[in-house]
Amino acid sequence: GQVRGLCGTYNWNQQDEFTTPAGAVEPGLTAFAQAYQASNQCPQLSPFPLEPCGAAAAAHRQLAEAACALLHGPAFQ
C-alpha cells in the first residue's frame, strides 16, 4: 500500500494500477500517463495503438532489435 506511480501499485489488485498522483484511477493508459507529466508544456500524448505489433511498430523493428541485443549482451549478463 505504499507504492504508486508509473510502475503500478504492487498490491496484487489490477483494478488500481492506473492510480494518478491525485488518487484517481484512470481507465486508459493515455490519460494515466498524462497525469504524470512534469510540465504543462509537454506535448499531449496521442492514443496508443490498439495493436502494439501492428504496422506502426513494424517500422521500428530494427531499432528495437538493436536495443534488445544490447540488453541480452555481455554488459547485462
PDB file of N, CA and C in Angstrom:
ATOM      1  N   GLY A   1       0.787  -1.204   0.000  1.00  0.00           N
ATOM      2  CA  GLY A   1       0.000   0.000   0.000  1.00  0.00           C
ATOM      3  C   GLY A   1       0.826   1.264   0.000  1.00  0.00           C
ATOM      4  N   GLN A   2       2.150   1.172  -0.182  1.00  0.00           N
ATOM      5  CA  GLN A   2       2.977   2.367  -0.139  1.00  0.00           C
ATOM      6  C   GLN A   2       3.600   2.715  -1.475  1.00  0.00           C
ATOM      7  N   VAL A   3       3.363   1.911  -2.504  1.00  0.00           N
ATOM      8  CA  VAL A   3       3.957   2.158  -3.818  1.00  0.00           C
ATOM      9  C   VAL A   3       2.861   2.623  -4.771  1.00  0.00           C
ATOM     10  N   ARG A   4       3.164   3.686  -5.542  1.00  0.00           N
ATOM     11  CA  ARG A   4       2.214   4.173  -6.533  1.00  0.00           C
ATOM     12  C   ARG A   4       3.000   4.932  -7.579  1.00  0.00           C
ATOM     13  N   GLY A   5       2.576   4.856  -8.821  1.00  0.00           N
ATOM     14  CA  GLY A   5       3.259   5.586  -9.874  1.00  0.00           C
ATOM     15  C   GLY A   5       3.164   4.878 -11.202  1.00  0.00           C
ATOM     16  N   LEU A   6       4.051   5.244 -12.100  1.00  0.00           N
ATOM     17  CA  LEU A   6       4.017   4.678 -13.445  1.00  0.00           C
ATOM     18  C   LEU A   6       4.281   3.187 -13.459  1.00  0.00           C
ATOM     19  N   CYS A   7       4.866   2.642 -12.430  1.00  0.00           N
ATOM     20  CA  CYS A   7       5.141   1.198 -12.373  1.00  0.00           C
ATOM     21  C   CYS A   7       4.044   0.415 -11.675  1.00  0.00           C
ATOM     22  N   GLY A   8       2.976   1.054 -11.249  1.00  0.00           N
ATOM     23  CA  GLY A   8       1.866   0.351 -10.608  1.00  0.00           C
ATOM     24  C   GLY A   8       1.893   0.470  -9.097  1.00  0.00           C
ATOM     25  N   THR A   9       1.007  -0.302  -8.449  1.00  0.00           N
ATOM     26  CA  THR A   9       0.845  -0.210  -7.005  1.00  0.00           C
ATOM     27  C   THR A   9       1.427  -1.405  -6.244  1.00  0.00           C
ATOM     28  N   TYR A  10       1.689  -2.501  -6.927  1.00  0.00           N
ATOM     29  CA  TYR A  10       2.258  -3.707  -6.319  1.00  0.00           C
ATOM     30  C   TYR A  10       1.440  -4.200  -5.127  1.00  0.00           C
ATOM     31  N   ASN A  11       0.132  -4.208  -5.279  1.00  0.00           N
ATOM     32  CA  ASN A  11      -0.713  -4.720  -4.194  1.00  0.00           C
ATOM     33  C   ASN A  11      -1.592  -5.886  -4.654  1.00  0.00           C
ATOM     34  N   TRP A  12      -1.282  -6.462  -5.793  1.00  0.00           N
ATOM     35  CA  TRP A  12      -1.988  -7.606  -6.378  1.00  0.00           C
ATOM     36  C   TRP A  12      -3.422  -7.272  -6.771  1.00  0.00           C
ATOM     37  N   ASN A  13      -3.763  -6.008  -6.878  1.00  0.00           N
ATOM     38  CA  ASN A  13      -5.089  -5.583  -7.316  1.00  0.00           C
ATOM     39  C   ASN A  13      -4.926  -4.863  -8.651  1.00  0.00           C
ATOM     40  N   GLN A  14      -5.247  -5.541  -9.751  1.00  0.00           N
ATOM     41  CA  GLN A  14      -5.061  -4.947 -11.070  1.00  0.00           C
ATOM     42  C   GLN A  14      -6.037  -3.812 -11.352  1.00  0.00           C
ATOM     43  N   GLN A  15      -7.064  -3.652 -10.540  1.00  0.00           N
ATOM     44  CA  GLN A  15      -8.057  -2.608 -10.774  1.00  0.00           C
ATOM     45  C   GLN A  15      -7.545  -1.213 -10.421  1.00  0.00           C
ATOM     46  N   ASP A  16      -6.447  -1.110  -9.670  1.00  0.00           N
ATOM     47  CA  ASP A  16      -5.961   0.215  -9.274  1.00  0.00           C
ATOM     48  C   ASP A  16      -4.557   0.518  -9.805  1.00  0.00           C
ATOM     49  N   GLU A  17      -4.120  -0.197 -10.822  1.00  0.00           N
ATOM     50  CA  GLU A  17      -2.775   0.007 -11.362  1.00  0.00           C
ATOM     51  C   GLU A  17      -2.594   1.390 -11.983  1.00  0.00           C
ATOM     52  N   PHE A  18      -3.644   1.983 -12.517  1.00  0.00           N
ATOM     53  CA  PHE A  18      -3.539   3.289 -13.163  1.00  0.00           C
ATOM     54  C   PHE A  18      -3.975   4.401 -12.209  1.00  0.00           C
ATOM     55  N   THR A  19      -3.499   4.362 -10.962  1.00  0.00           N
ATOM     56  CA  THR A  19      -3.826   5.394  -9.982  1.00  0.00           C
ATOM     57  C   THR A  19      -2.942   6.618 -10.219  1.00  0.00           C
ATOM     58  N   THR A  20      -3.564   7.780 -10.374  1.00  0.00           N
ATOM     59  CA  THR A  20      -2.853   9.024 -10.666  1.00  0.00           C
ATOM     60  C   THR A  20      -2.287   9.632  -9.386  1.00  0.00           C
ATOM     61  N   PRO A  21      -1.434  10.643  -9.502  1.00  0.00           N
ATOM     62  CA  PRO A  21      -0.917  11.313  -8.298  1.00  0.00           C
ATOM     63  C   PRO A  21      -2.026  11.900  -7.424  1.00  0.00           C
ATOM     64  N   ALA A  22      -3.158  12.255  -8.041  1.00  0.00           N
ATOM     65  CA  ALA A  22      -4.279  12.819  -7.282  1.00  0.00           C
ATOM     66  C   ALA A  22      -5.128  11.743  -6.615  1.00  0.00           C
ATOM     67  N   GLY A  23      -4.829  10.456  -6.904  1.00  0.00           N
ATOM     68  CA  GLY A  23      -5.572   9.370  -6.289  1.00  0.00           C
ATOM     69  C   GLY A  23      -6.704   8.819  -7.129  1.00  0.00           C
ATOM     70  N   ALA A  24      -6.956   9.393  -8.299  1.00  0.00           N
ATOM     71  CA  ALA A  24      -7.999   8.884  -9.188  1.00  0.00           C
ATOM     72  C   ALA A  24      -7.480   7.675  -9.955  1.00  0.00           C
ATOM     73  N   VAL A  25      -8.358   6.773 -10.321  1.00  0.00           N
ATOM     74  CA  VAL A  25      -7.983   5.612 -11.123  1.00  0.00           C
ATOM     75  C   VAL A  25      -8.451   5.858 -12.548  1.00  0.00           C
ATOM     76  N   GLU A  26      -7.505   5.951 -13.470  1.00  0.00           N
ATOM     77  CA  GLU A  26      -7.821   6.189 -14.877  1.00  0.00           C
ATOM     78  C   GLU A  26      -8.084   4.863 -15.576  1.00  0.00           C
ATOM     79  N   PRO A  27      -9.084   4.816 -16.449  1.00  0.00           N
ATOM     80  CA  PRO A  27      -9.363   3.566 -17.162  1.00  0.00           C
ATOM     81  C   PRO A  27      -8.429   3.317 -18.344  1.00  0.00           C
ATOM     82  N   GLY A  28      -7.786   4.376 -18.858  1.00  0.00           N
ATOM     83  CA  GLY A  28      -6.946   4.222 -20.035  1.00  0.00           C
ATOM     84  C   GLY A  28      -5.515   4.643 -19.804  1.00  0.00           C
ATOM     85  N   LEU A  29      -4.616   4.070 -20.587  1.00  0.00           N
ATOM     86  CA  LEU A  29      -3.193   4.321 -20.430  1.00  0.00           C
ATOM     87  C   LEU A  29      -2.808   5.758 -20.771  1.00  0.00           C
ATOM     88  N   THR A  30      -3.395   6.342 -21.809  1.00  0.00           N
ATOM     89  CA  THR A  30      -3.022   7.689 -22.233  1.00  0.00           C
ATOM     90  C   THR A  30      -3.317   8.718 -21.141  1.00  0.00           C
ATOM     91  N   ALA A  31      -4.527   8.703 -20.600  1.00  0.00           N
ATOM     92  CA  ALA A  31      -4.896   9.658 -19.545  1.00  0.00           C
ATOM     93  C   ALA A  31      -4.045   9.433 -18.297  1.00  0.00           C
ATOM     94  N   PHE A  32      -3.747   8.177 -17.985  1.00  0.00           N
ATOM     95  CA  PHE A  32      -2.907   7.867 -16.827  1.00  0.00           C
ATOM     96  C   PHE A  32      -1.511   8.450 -16.999  1.00  0.00           C
ATOM     97  N   ALA A  33      -0.899   8.230 -18.154  1.00  0.00           N
ATOM     98  CA  ALA A  33       0.452   8.729 -18.404  1.00  0.00           C
ATOM     99  C   ALA A  33       0.485  10.251 -18.391  1.00  0.00           C
ATOM    100  N   GLN A  34      -0.541  10.901 -18.934  1.00  0.00           N
ATOM    101  CA  GLN A  34      -0.579  12.357 -18.960  1.00  0.00           C
ATOM    102  C   GLN A  34      -0.703  12.941 -17.560  1.00  0.00           C
ATOM    103  N   ALA A  35      -1.263  12.201 -16.624  1.00  0.00           N
ATOM    104  CA  ALA A  35      -1.388  12.690 -15.250  1.00  0.00           C
ATOM    105  C   ALA A  35      -0.024  12.842 -14.588  1.00  0.00           C
ATOM    106  N   TYR A  36       0.996  12.171 -15.110  1.00  0.00           N
ATOM    107  CA  TYR A  36       2.337  12.237 -14.542  1.00  0.00           C
ATOM    108  C   TYR A  36       3.258  13.208 -15.280  1.00  0.00           C
ATOM    109  N   GLN A  37       2.730  13.989 -16.205  1.00  0.00           N
ATOM    110  CA  GLN A  37       3.572  14.955 -16.909  1.00  0.00           C
ATOM    111  C   GLN A  37       4.110  15.989 -15.926  1.00  0.00           C
ATOM    112  N   ALA A  38       5.390  16.300 -16.063  1.00  0.00           N
ATOM    113  CA  ALA A  38       6.041  17.229 -15.141  1.00  0.00           C
ATOM    114  C   ALA A  38       5.749  18.686 -15.480  1.00  0.00           C
ATOM    115  N   SER A  39       5.299  18.956 -16.694  1.00  0.00           N
ATOM    116  CA  SER A  39       5.079  20.331 -17.114  1.00  0.00           C
ATOM    117  C   SER A  39       3.899  20.395 -18.067  1.00  0.00           C
ATOM    118  N   ASN A  40       3.150  21.481 -18.005  1.00  0.00           N
ATOM    119  CA  ASN A  40       2.054  21.692 -18.953  1.00  0.00           C
ATOM    120  C   ASN A  40       2.569  21.943 -20.360  1.00  0.00           C
ATOM    121  N   GLN A  41       3.870  22.209 -20.496  1.00  0.00           N
ATOM    122  CA  GLN A  41       4.451  22.470 -21.807  1.00  0.00           C
ATOM    123  C   GLN A  41       4.814  21.179 -22.537  1.00  0.00           C
ATOM    124  N   CYS A  42       4.699  20.033 -21.864  1.00  0.00           N
ATOM    125  CA  CYS A  42       4.973  18.753 -22.518  1.00  0.00           C
ATOM    126  C   CYS A  42       3.893  18.498 -23.567  1.00  0.00           C
ATOM    127  N   PRO A  43       4.255  17.888 -24.698  1.00  0.00           N
ATOM    128  CA  PRO A  43       3.237  17.597 -25.712  1.00  0.00           C
ATOM    129  C   PRO A  43       2.244  16.559 -25.196  1.00  0.00           C
ATOM    130  N   GLN A  44       0.998  16.700 -25.601  1.00  0.00           N
ATOM    131  CA  GLN A  44      -0.023  15.733 -25.227  1.00  0.00           C
ATOM    132  C   GLN A  44       0.229  14.424 -25.960  1.00  0.00           C
ATOM    133  N   LEU A  45       0.002  13.322 -25.266  1.00  0.00           N
ATOM    134  CA  LEU A  45       0.190  12.014 -25.876  1.00  0.00           C
ATOM    135  C   LEU A  45      -0.994  11.688 -26.779  1.00  0.00           C
ATOM    136  N   SER A  46      -0.709  11.082 -27.896  1.00  0.00           N
ATOM    137  CA  SER A  46      -1.800  10.594 -28.732  1.00  0.00           C
ATOM    138  C   SER A  46      -2.186   9.222 -28.202  1.00  0.00           C
ATOM    139  N   PRO A  47      -3.395   8.777 -28.481  1.00  0.00           N
ATOM    140  CA  PRO A  47      -3.782   7.439 -28.003  1.00  0.00           C
ATOM    141  C   PRO A  47      -2.812   6.384 -28.528  1.00  0.00           C
ATOM    142  N   PHE A  48      -2.470   5.451 -27.671  1.00  0.00           N
ATOM    143  CA  PHE A  48      -1.556   4.400 -28.057  1.00  0.00           C
ATOM    144  C   PHE A  48      -2.229   3.470 -29.055  1.00  0.00           C
ATOM    145  N   PRO A  49      -1.465   2.872 -29.954  1.00  0.00           N
ATOM    146  CA  PRO A  49      -2.082   1.961 -30.913  1.00  0.00           C
ATOM    147  C   PRO A  49      -2.711   0.774 -30.194  1.00  0.00           C
ATOM    148  N   LEU A  50      -3.868   0.354 -30.667  1.00  0.00           N
ATOM    149  CA  LEU A  50      -4.530  -0.790 -30.062  1.00  0.00           C
ATOM    150  C   LEU A  50      -3.776  -2.078 -30.351  1.00  0.00           C
ATOM    151  N   GLU A  51      -3.038  -2.095 -31.436  1.00  0.00           N
ATOM    152  CA  GLU A  51      -2.281  -3.269 -31.840  1.00  0.00           C
ATOM    153  C   GLU A  51      -0.793  -2.946 -31.766  1.00  0.00           C
ATOM    154  N   PRO A  52      -0.127  -3.236 -30.638  1.00  0.00           N
ATOM    155  CA  PRO A  52       1.270  -2.832 -30.476  1.00  0.00           C
ATOM    156  C   PRO A  52       2.228  -3.487 -31.458  1.00  0.00           C
ATOM    157  N   CYS A  53       1.840  -4.585 -32.059  1.00  0.00           N
ATOM    158  CA  CYS A  53       2.715  -5.251 -33.024  1.00  0.00           C
ATOM    159  C   CYS A  53       2.269  -4.981 -34.455  1.00  0.00           C
ATOM    160  N   GLY A  54       1.451  -3.973 -34.663  1.00  0.00           N
ATOM    161  CA  GLY A  54       0.932  -3.661 -35.989  1.00  0.00           C
ATOM    162  C   GLY A  54       1.931  -2.905 -36.845  1.00  0.00           C
ATOM    163  N   ALA A  55       1.432  -2.228 -37.849  1.00  0.00           N
ATOM    164  CA  ALA A  55       2.268  -1.551 -38.841  1.00  0.00           C
ATOM    165  C   ALA A  55       3.150  -0.467 -38.221  1.00  0.00           C
ATOM    166  N   ALA A  56       2.648   0.276 -37.250  1.00  0.00           N
ATOM    167  CA  ALA A  56       3.444   1.343 -36.644  1.00  0.00           C
ATOM    168  C   ALA A  56       4.671   0.771 -35.937  1.00  0.00           C
ATOM    169  N   ALA A  57       4.505  -0.337 -35.254  1.00  0.00           N
ATOM    170  CA  ALA A  57       5.619  -0.952 -34.543  1.00  0.00           C
ATOM    171  C   ALA A  57       6.604  -1.600 -35.508  1.00  0.00           C
ATOM    172  N   ALA A  58       6.117  -2.103 -36.612  1.00  0.00           N
ATOM    173  CA  ALA A  58       6.991  -2.776 -37.584  1.00  0.00           C
ATOM    174  C   ALA A  58       8.041  -1.824 -38.141  1.00  0.00           C
ATOM    175  N   ALA A  59       7.701  -0.550 -38.229  1.00  0.00           N
ATOM    176  CA  ALA A  59       8.644   0.433 -38.759  1.00  0.00           C
ATOM    177  C   ALA A  59       9.845   0.613 -37.824  1.00  0.00           C
ATOM    178  N   HIS A  60       9.697   0.298 -36.565  1.00  0.00           N
ATOM    179  CA  HIS A  60      10.761   0.479 -35.579  1.00  0.00           C
ATOM    180  C   HIS A  60      11.413  -0.846 -35.161  1.00  0.00           C
ATOM    181  N   ARG A  61      11.118  -1.890 -35.885  1.00  0.00           N
ATOM    182  CA  ARG A  61      11.605  -3.216 -35.505  1.00  0.00           C
ATOM    183  C   ARG A  61      13.138  -3.287 -35.448  1.00  0.00           C
ATOM    184  N   GLN A  62      13.816  -2.742 -36.456  1.00  0.00           N
ATOM    185  CA  GLN A  62      15.273  -2.816 -36.498  1.00  0.00           C
ATOM    186  C   GLN A  62      15.885  -2.111 -35.285  1.00  0.00           C
ATOM    187  N   LEU A  63      15.366  -0.939 -34.940  1.00  0.00           N
ATOM    188  CA  LEU A  63      15.858  -0.209 -33.775  1.00  0.00           C
ATOM    189  C   LEU A  63      15.596  -1.001 -32.491  1.00  0.00           C
ATOM    190  N   ALA A  64      14.414  -1.581 -32.389  1.00  0.00           N
ATOM    191  CA  ALA A  64      14.066  -2.358 -31.198  1.00  0.00           C
ATOM    192  C   ALA A  64      14.962  -3.585 -31.060  1.00  0.00           C
ATOM    193  N   GLU A  65      15.234  -4.255 -32.169  1.00  0.00           N
ATOM    194  CA  GLU A  65      16.091  -5.438 -32.111  1.00  0.00           C
ATOM    195  C   GLU A  65      17.518  -5.065 -31.701  1.00  0.00           C
ATOM    196  N   ALA A  66      18.009  -3.917 -32.156  1.00  0.00           N
ATOM    197  CA  ALA A  66      19.350  -3.469 -31.772  1.00  0.00           C
ATOM    198  C   ALA A  66      19.392  -3.147 -30.274  1.00  0.00           C
ATOM    199  N   ALA A  67      18.353  -2.497 -29.773  1.00  0.00           N
ATOM    200  CA  ALA A  67      18.302  -2.169 -28.347  1.00  0.00           C
ATOM    201  C   ALA A  67      18.218  -3.437 -27.506  1.00  0.00           C
ATOM    202  N   CYS A  68      17.423  -4.401 -27.933  1.00  0.00           N
ATOM    203  CA  CYS A  68      17.297  -5.653 -27.189  1.00  0.00           C
ATOM    204  C   CYS A  68      18.600  -6.442 -27.221  1.00  0.00           C
ATOM    205  N   ALA A  69      19.324  -6.350 -28.325  1.00  0.00           N
ATOM    206  CA  ALA A  69      20.605  -7.051 -28.420  1.00  0.00           C
ATOM    207  C   ALA A  69      21.570  -6.537 -27.355  1.00  0.00           C
ATOM    208  N   LEU A  70      21.529  -5.237 -27.087  1.00  0.00           N
ATOM    209  CA  LEU A  70      22.374  -4.683 -26.020  1.00  0.00           C
ATOM    210  C   LEU A  70      21.983  -5.253 -24.662  1.00  0.00           C
ATOM    211  N   LEU A  71      20.681  -5.356 -24.413  1.00  0.00           N
ATOM    212  CA  LEU A  71      20.208  -5.868 -23.124  1.00  0.00           C
ATOM    213  C   LEU A  71      20.540  -7.348 -22.943  1.00  0.00           C
ATOM    214  N   HIS A  72      20.583  -8.084 -24.040  1.00  0.00           N
ATOM    215  CA  HIS A  72      20.910  -9.501 -23.971  1.00  0.00           C
ATOM    216  C   HIS A  72      22.406  -9.759 -24.099  1.00  0.00           C
ATOM    217  N   GLY A  73      23.170  -8.718 -24.288  1.00  0.00           N
ATOM    218  CA  GLY A  73      24.611  -8.834 -24.486  1.00  0.00           C
ATOM    219  C   GLY A  73      25.388  -8.997 -23.195  1.00  0.00           C
ATOM    220  N   PRO A  74      26.706  -9.097 -23.298  1.00  0.00           N
ATOM    221  CA  PRO A  74      27.560  -9.358 -22.143  1.00  0.00           C
ATOM    222  C   PRO A  74      27.519  -8.266 -21.067  1.00  0.00           C
ATOM    223  N   ALA A  75      27.208  -7.044 -21.425  1.00  0.00           N
ATOM    224  CA  ALA A  75      27.191  -5.964 -20.431  1.00  0.00           C
ATOM    225  C   ALA A  75      26.133  -6.186 -19.354  1.00  0.00           C
ATOM    226  N   PHE A  76      25.077  -6.908 -19.693  1.00  0.00           N
ATOM    227  CA  PHE A  76      23.973  -7.115 -18.730  1.00  0.00           C
ATOM    228  C   PHE A  76      23.844  -8.561 -18.264  1.00  0.00           C
ATOM    229  N   GLN A  77      24.884  -9.349 -18.503  1.00  0.00           N
ATOM    230  CA  GLN A  77      24.818 -10.751 -18.059  1.00  0.00           C
ATOM    231  C   GLN A  77      25.358 -10.906 -16.658  1.00  0.00           C
TER     232      GLN A  77
END
